[in-house]
Protein backbone atom coordinates (compact mmCIF):
# COMPACT_ATOMS: atom_id res chain seq x y z
CA MET A 1 -2.94 19.96 -31.51
CA ASN A 2 -0.39 21.42 -34.13
CA THR A 3 -1.86 23.80 -36.87
CA ILE A 4 -0.51 24.07 -40.14
CA PRO A 5 1.51 27.37 -40.53
CA GLY A 6 -0.08 29.90 -42.89
CA ASP A 7 3.25 30.76 -44.57
CA ILE A 8 3.00 26.67 -45.92
CA GLU A 9 -0.53 27.35 -47.03
CA MET A 10 0.31 30.32 -49.05
CA ARG A 11 3.35 28.54 -50.44
CA ALA A 12 0.95 25.70 -51.35
CA GLY A 13 -1.38 28.00 -53.07
CA GLU A 14 1.44 29.60 -55.17
CA ALA A 15 2.55 26.21 -56.26
CA ASP A 16 -0.87 25.36 -57.77
CA VAL A 17 -0.23 27.62 -60.59
CA ILE A 18 3.19 26.08 -61.67
CA PRO A 19 2.73 24.42 -64.80
CA ALA A 20 3.17 20.62 -64.63
CA ASP A 21 6.19 20.73 -67.33
CA GLU A 22 8.15 23.39 -65.44
CA PHE A 23 8.62 21.11 -62.33
CA GLU A 24 10.50 17.53 -62.70
CA VAL A 25 10.34 15.33 -59.61
CA PRO A 26 14.06 14.59 -59.14
CA GLU A 27 15.42 11.22 -59.41
CA ILE A 28 16.67 9.26 -56.26
CA SER A 29 20.38 8.00 -56.87
CA GLN A 30 21.55 5.05 -54.60
CA ASP A 31 23.64 7.32 -52.75
CA SER A 32 21.12 9.70 -51.63
CA ARG A 33 18.81 7.60 -49.94
CA GLU A 34 19.64 8.04 -46.64
CA THR A 35 17.13 9.37 -44.81
CA VAL A 36 17.55 13.23 -43.74
CA GLY A 37 16.69 13.57 -40.01
CA ASP A 38 16.86 11.79 -36.88
CA TYR A 39 14.73 9.06 -37.13
CA THR A 40 15.63 7.85 -33.36
CA VAL A 41 13.53 8.94 -30.40
CA PRO A 42 15.03 8.97 -26.59
CA ASP A 43 11.82 6.85 -25.44
CA PRO A 44 10.81 4.44 -28.59
CA LYS A 45 7.80 2.22 -28.40
CA MET A 46 8.29 0.54 -31.66
CA VAL A 47 11.85 0.45 -33.51
CA MET A 48 12.24 -0.17 -36.98
CA ARG A 49 15.76 -0.88 -38.45
CA ARG A 50 16.65 -1.40 -42.21
CA VAL A 51 13.03 -2.64 -42.97
CA ASN A 52 12.85 -4.20 -46.84
CA VAL A 53 9.22 -5.42 -48.03
CA TYR A 54 9.05 -7.31 -51.28
CA TYR A 55 5.86 -8.56 -53.44
CA GLY A 56 7.20 -11.09 -55.16
CA GLU A 57 10.16 -9.61 -57.02
CA LYS A 58 9.03 -6.23 -56.69
CA GLN A 59 10.43 -3.94 -53.85
CA ALA A 60 8.20 -1.82 -52.04
CA ILE A 61 10.14 -0.77 -49.09
CA ARG A 62 13.82 -0.01 -49.10
CA GLU A 63 16.29 -0.09 -45.94
CA VAL A 64 13.61 2.01 -43.80
CA SER A 65 14.62 2.94 -40.08
CA LEU A 66 12.25 4.64 -38.06
CA ASP A 67 11.14 4.94 -34.32
CA MET A 68 7.58 5.53 -32.91
CA GLY A 69 8.00 7.25 -29.44
CA THR A 70 6.01 6.42 -26.37
CA ASN A 71 2.94 8.66 -26.30
CA GLU A 72 3.32 10.44 -29.67
CA VAL A 73 1.35 10.33 -32.81
CA LEU A 74 3.65 9.60 -35.91
CA ALA A 75 2.41 10.91 -39.07
CA MET A 76 3.52 9.02 -42.32
CA ILE A 77 2.97 11.01 -45.43
CA GLY A 78 3.96 11.12 -49.24
CA PRO A 79 2.07 10.69 -52.80
CA SER A 80 0.10 7.50 -53.48
CA GLY A 81 2.34 4.23 -53.75
CA CYS A 82 5.10 5.56 -52.08
CA GLY A 83 4.84 2.63 -49.46
CA LYS A 84 3.68 4.35 -46.19
CA SER A 85 0.69 2.26 -46.05
CA THR A 86 2.90 -0.92 -46.76
CA PHE A 87 5.06 -0.01 -43.82
CA LEU A 88 2.39 0.72 -41.49
CA ARG A 89 0.85 -2.77 -41.91
CA CYS A 90 4.65 -4.02 -41.26
CA LEU A 91 4.12 -2.67 -37.71
CA ASN A 92 1.44 -5.59 -36.78
CA ARG A 93 2.30 -8.19 -39.37
CA MET A 94 -0.90 -7.41 -41.39
CA ASN A 95 1.14 -8.17 -44.61
CA ASP A 96 1.50 -11.77 -43.32
CA THR A 97 -2.00 -12.25 -44.89
CA ILE A 98 -0.34 -11.81 -48.46
CA PRO A 99 1.45 -14.76 -49.96
CA ALA A 100 3.85 -12.91 -51.79
CA CYS A 101 4.60 -10.38 -49.36
CA ARG A 102 8.20 -10.58 -47.72
CA VAL A 103 9.59 -8.44 -44.93
CA THR A 104 13.12 -8.51 -43.56
CA GLY A 105 14.88 -6.27 -41.50
CA GLU A 106 14.45 -5.29 -37.54
CA LEU A 107 11.04 -4.69 -35.99
CA LEU A 108 10.88 -4.28 -32.11
CA LEU A 109 8.07 -3.55 -29.75
CA ASP A 110 9.36 -2.83 -26.34
CA GLY A 111 12.85 -4.59 -27.34
CA GLU A 112 10.92 -7.68 -28.56
CA ASN A 113 11.28 -8.74 -32.24
CA ILE A 114 7.62 -9.01 -33.55
CA TYR A 115 9.02 -11.08 -36.47
CA GLY A 116 10.88 -13.40 -34.16
CA LYS A 117 10.05 -17.34 -33.86
CA GLY A 118 7.11 -18.37 -31.69
CA VAL A 119 5.49 -14.44 -31.80
CA ASP A 120 1.71 -15.19 -31.91
CA GLU A 121 0.19 -12.99 -34.62
CA VAL A 122 -2.96 -12.49 -32.85
CA LEU A 123 -1.55 -11.53 -29.57
CA LEU A 124 0.63 -9.10 -31.45
CA ARG A 125 -2.45 -7.75 -32.88
CA ALA A 126 -3.90 -7.47 -29.54
CA ARG A 127 -1.10 -5.38 -28.67
CA VAL A 128 -0.73 -3.38 -31.94
CA GLY A 129 -4.18 -2.51 -32.99
CA MET A 130 -5.42 -1.20 -36.48
CA VAL A 131 -8.27 1.08 -37.77
CA PHE A 132 -8.63 1.11 -41.36
CA GLN A 133 -9.67 3.60 -44.26
CA LYS A 134 -12.95 2.61 -44.62
CA PRO A 135 -15.06 1.77 -41.19
CA ASN A 136 -15.37 -1.92 -40.88
CA PRO A 137 -17.84 -2.44 -38.05
CA PHE A 138 -19.00 -6.01 -37.70
CA PRO A 139 -22.60 -7.11 -38.49
CA LYS A 140 -23.24 -7.35 -34.90
CA SER A 141 -24.81 -4.93 -32.17
CA VAL A 142 -22.67 -1.96 -31.25
CA PHE A 143 -21.94 -3.63 -28.10
CA GLU A 144 -21.30 -6.77 -29.49
CA ASN A 145 -18.58 -4.99 -31.79
CA VAL A 146 -16.74 -3.79 -28.71
CA ALA A 147 -17.15 -6.67 -26.69
CA TYR A 148 -16.09 -9.30 -29.35
CA GLY A 149 -12.19 -8.82 -28.73
CA PRO A 150 -12.34 -8.92 -24.85
CA ARG A 151 -14.45 -11.77 -24.98
CA LEU A 152 -12.14 -13.52 -27.44
CA HIS A 153 -9.05 -12.70 -25.54
CA GLY A 154 -10.53 -13.76 -21.96
CA LEU A 155 -10.25 -9.92 -20.68
CA ALA A 156 -13.38 -10.05 -18.70
CA LYS A 157 -14.29 -12.19 -15.82
CA ASP A 158 -17.87 -12.07 -16.15
CA ALA A 159 -20.80 -10.08 -17.75
CA THR A 160 -20.64 -7.14 -15.17
CA GLU A 161 -16.74 -6.69 -16.28
CA LEU A 162 -17.35 -7.21 -19.81
CA GLU A 163 -19.97 -4.36 -19.65
CA GLU A 164 -17.57 -2.11 -17.91
CA ILE A 165 -14.91 -2.77 -20.68
CA VAL A 166 -17.43 -1.87 -23.23
CA VAL A 167 -18.68 1.28 -21.54
CA THR A 168 -15.11 2.43 -20.80
CA SER A 169 -14.12 1.78 -24.39
CA LEU A 170 -16.95 3.79 -26.18
CA LYS A 171 -16.23 6.70 -23.67
CA LYS A 172 -12.62 6.67 -24.61
CA ALA A 173 -13.57 6.93 -28.39
CA ALA A 174 -16.03 9.75 -27.72
CA LEU A 175 -19.18 7.83 -28.89
CA TRP A 176 -20.84 6.67 -25.80
CA ASN A 177 -23.21 9.79 -25.25
CA GLU A 178 -24.14 9.03 -28.96
CA VAL A 179 -24.97 5.35 -28.63
CA LYS A 180 -25.74 4.62 -25.13
CA ASP A 181 -29.37 3.98 -25.73
CA ILE A 182 -29.02 2.15 -28.95
CA LEU A 183 -26.50 -0.49 -27.64
CA GLU A 184 -28.30 -3.44 -29.26
CA GLN A 185 -28.73 -1.74 -32.80
CA PRO A 186 -26.70 -2.87 -35.49
CA GLY A 187 -23.29 -0.99 -35.59
CA THR A 188 -23.58 -1.02 -39.22
CA GLY A 189 -26.51 1.46 -38.82
CA LEU A 190 -24.33 4.30 -37.48
CA SER A 191 -23.18 6.96 -39.46
CA GLY A 192 -19.68 6.68 -41.26
CA GLY A 193 -18.03 9.06 -38.46
CA GLN A 194 -19.78 7.18 -35.83
CA GLN A 195 -18.67 3.60 -37.48
CA GLN A 196 -15.01 4.62 -37.42
CA ARG A 197 -15.21 5.93 -33.93
CA LEU A 198 -16.82 2.44 -33.09
CA CYS A 199 -13.98 0.56 -34.94
CA ILE A 200 -11.49 2.79 -32.65
CA ALA A 201 -13.42 1.59 -29.75
CA ARG A 202 -13.28 -1.99 -30.66
CA ALA A 203 -9.34 -1.56 -31.11
CA ILE A 204 -8.75 0.20 -27.78
CA SER A 205 -11.23 -2.52 -25.79
CA ILE A 206 -8.36 -5.06 -25.89
CA ASN A 207 -5.89 -2.59 -24.18
CA PRO A 208 -3.61 -2.38 -26.90
CA GLU A 209 0.04 -0.41 -26.53
CA VAL A 210 0.03 0.97 -30.01
CA ILE A 211 -2.76 2.21 -32.33
CA LEU A 212 -2.26 2.16 -36.31
CA MET A 213 -4.46 4.35 -38.30
CA ASP A 214 -4.45 3.87 -42.22
CA GLU A 215 -6.22 7.13 -43.73
CA PRO A 216 -8.84 6.71 -41.06
CA CYS A 217 -10.51 9.98 -42.21
CA SER A 218 -10.22 9.74 -45.91
CA ALA A 219 -14.18 8.47 -46.34
CA LEU A 220 -15.40 11.12 -43.61
CA ASP A 221 -16.94 14.39 -43.61
CA PRO A 222 -15.15 17.54 -42.26
CA ILE A 223 -17.14 17.14 -38.89
CA SER A 224 -16.42 13.56 -38.41
CA THR A 225 -12.93 14.22 -39.22
CA ALA A 226 -12.53 16.99 -36.54
CA LYS A 227 -14.17 14.34 -34.14
CA ILE A 228 -11.58 11.86 -35.01
CA GLU A 229 -8.65 14.08 -34.84
CA GLU A 230 -9.61 15.45 -31.47
CA LEU A 231 -9.84 11.67 -30.38
CA MET A 232 -6.39 10.88 -31.66
CA ASP A 233 -4.95 14.02 -29.40
CA GLU A 234 -6.64 12.40 -26.42
CA LEU A 235 -5.45 8.92 -27.01
CA ARG A 236 -2.16 9.96 -27.34
CA GLU A 237 -1.74 10.38 -23.62
CA GLN A 238 -2.46 6.57 -23.43
CA TYR A 239 -1.07 5.03 -26.48
CA SER A 240 1.48 5.33 -29.26
CA ILE A 241 -0.09 6.43 -32.58
CA GLY A 242 1.02 5.72 -36.13
CA ILE A 243 -1.03 7.41 -38.65
CA VAL A 244 -1.04 7.38 -42.68
CA THR A 245 -2.79 10.20 -43.98
CA HIS A 246 -2.93 11.82 -47.80
CA SER A 247 -3.82 15.12 -46.06
CA MET A 248 -0.80 17.15 -45.14
CA GLN A 249 -3.04 19.39 -42.83
CA GLN A 250 -4.08 16.63 -40.74
CA ALA A 251 -0.82 15.27 -40.28
CA ALA A 252 0.25 19.20 -39.44
CA ARG A 253 -2.81 19.15 -36.91
CA VAL A 254 -2.21 15.76 -35.18
CA SER A 255 1.07 14.66 -35.06
CA GLN A 256 4.41 15.17 -33.09
CA ARG A 257 6.63 13.80 -35.62
CA THR A 258 6.40 13.17 -39.70
CA ALA A 259 7.87 10.85 -41.71
CA TYR A 260 7.83 11.54 -45.54
CA PHE A 261 8.09 8.51 -47.92
CA HIS A 262 8.70 8.48 -51.75
CA LEU A 263 8.81 5.49 -53.94
CA GLY A 264 9.76 3.17 -51.31
CA ASP A 265 12.34 5.18 -49.56
CA LEU A 266 12.14 6.96 -46.11
CA ILE A 267 13.22 10.49 -47.33
CA GLU A 268 13.00 12.76 -44.37
CA VAL A 269 11.79 12.38 -40.67
CA GLY A 270 11.67 15.21 -37.87
CA GLU A 271 9.51 17.26 -35.72
CA THR A 272 6.13 18.03 -37.44
CA ASP A 273 6.51 21.87 -37.23
CA GLN A 274 9.97 21.68 -38.58
CA MET A 275 8.75 19.46 -41.40
CA PHE A 276 6.42 21.62 -42.45
CA THR A 277 8.10 24.85 -42.18
CA ALA A 278 11.58 23.92 -43.05
CA PRO A 279 11.77 20.86 -44.90
CA ARG A 280 15.55 19.93 -45.49
CA HIS A 281 15.21 17.44 -48.48
CA PRO A 282 13.98 19.09 -52.18
CA LEU A 283 11.53 16.07 -52.32
CA THR A 284 9.85 16.84 -48.88
CA GLU A 285 9.47 20.59 -49.98
CA ALA A 286 8.16 19.90 -53.26
CA TYR A 287 5.77 17.50 -52.03
CA ILE A 288 4.71 19.72 -49.01
CA THR A 289 4.49 22.98 -51.30
CA GLY A 290 2.12 21.05 -53.76
CA ARG A 291 4.41 20.62 -56.62
CA PHE A 292 3.65 16.99 -56.83
CA GLY A 293 1.74 14.54 -55.09
């Protein structure tokens, strides 16, 4: 996994002593909203072009174009309220559950428009799984939490095949050894970190192609966070992963590419190492060095 460079840590520490009144966040003019960096990849799993999101009359995302590569972790960072979670929820149409929300633009999964007519949102969310900020296991047993999706989608022919899916999913989520003797106990009785890995097992049990994670470690302790990060690195071999994180250190550790959002605009995107050592946009540099955020 990637590590955050020492010089960035030093610069971030130095930035902490800059008085707030000595640094002003620059305004973004209409002419400077074009994304810095190459937002395309040679082998995209998802392609998003000129995406706009509105909540009623308020525009939350403006003309965002971005690719998510096959078998990569794409980190989305930025200050609170910048639109990164709103954009993430577009990728499996979770924003459809908000009546006032409207999405425009082109969003493709393997070349197919996920907002096209006739697209089944339930089947789409089976292909593009979601792990939320707060662990949300069902009030069922550990086994039933993981078995729910495969049973709903008819992925198992019989009880034996269903059990194989559950065991495989728990192993992929690095949870099997911790729960193999308590499969019939409630999933809500697990620790926070175990619950989050149970939710990841539940997401991958239905064979998704993409996994979205919205600040999956923000409610977890450092040890649980480390386990989730190690898991992301392993899952990348089989899935494309999009993660929203408030932790720049986490983005540096787990991702191959990073996208920086600011007030609804995608300011800069690039290889993670480059973004954290040589950001090209002044807003990106100001955020990474801790001058605001």
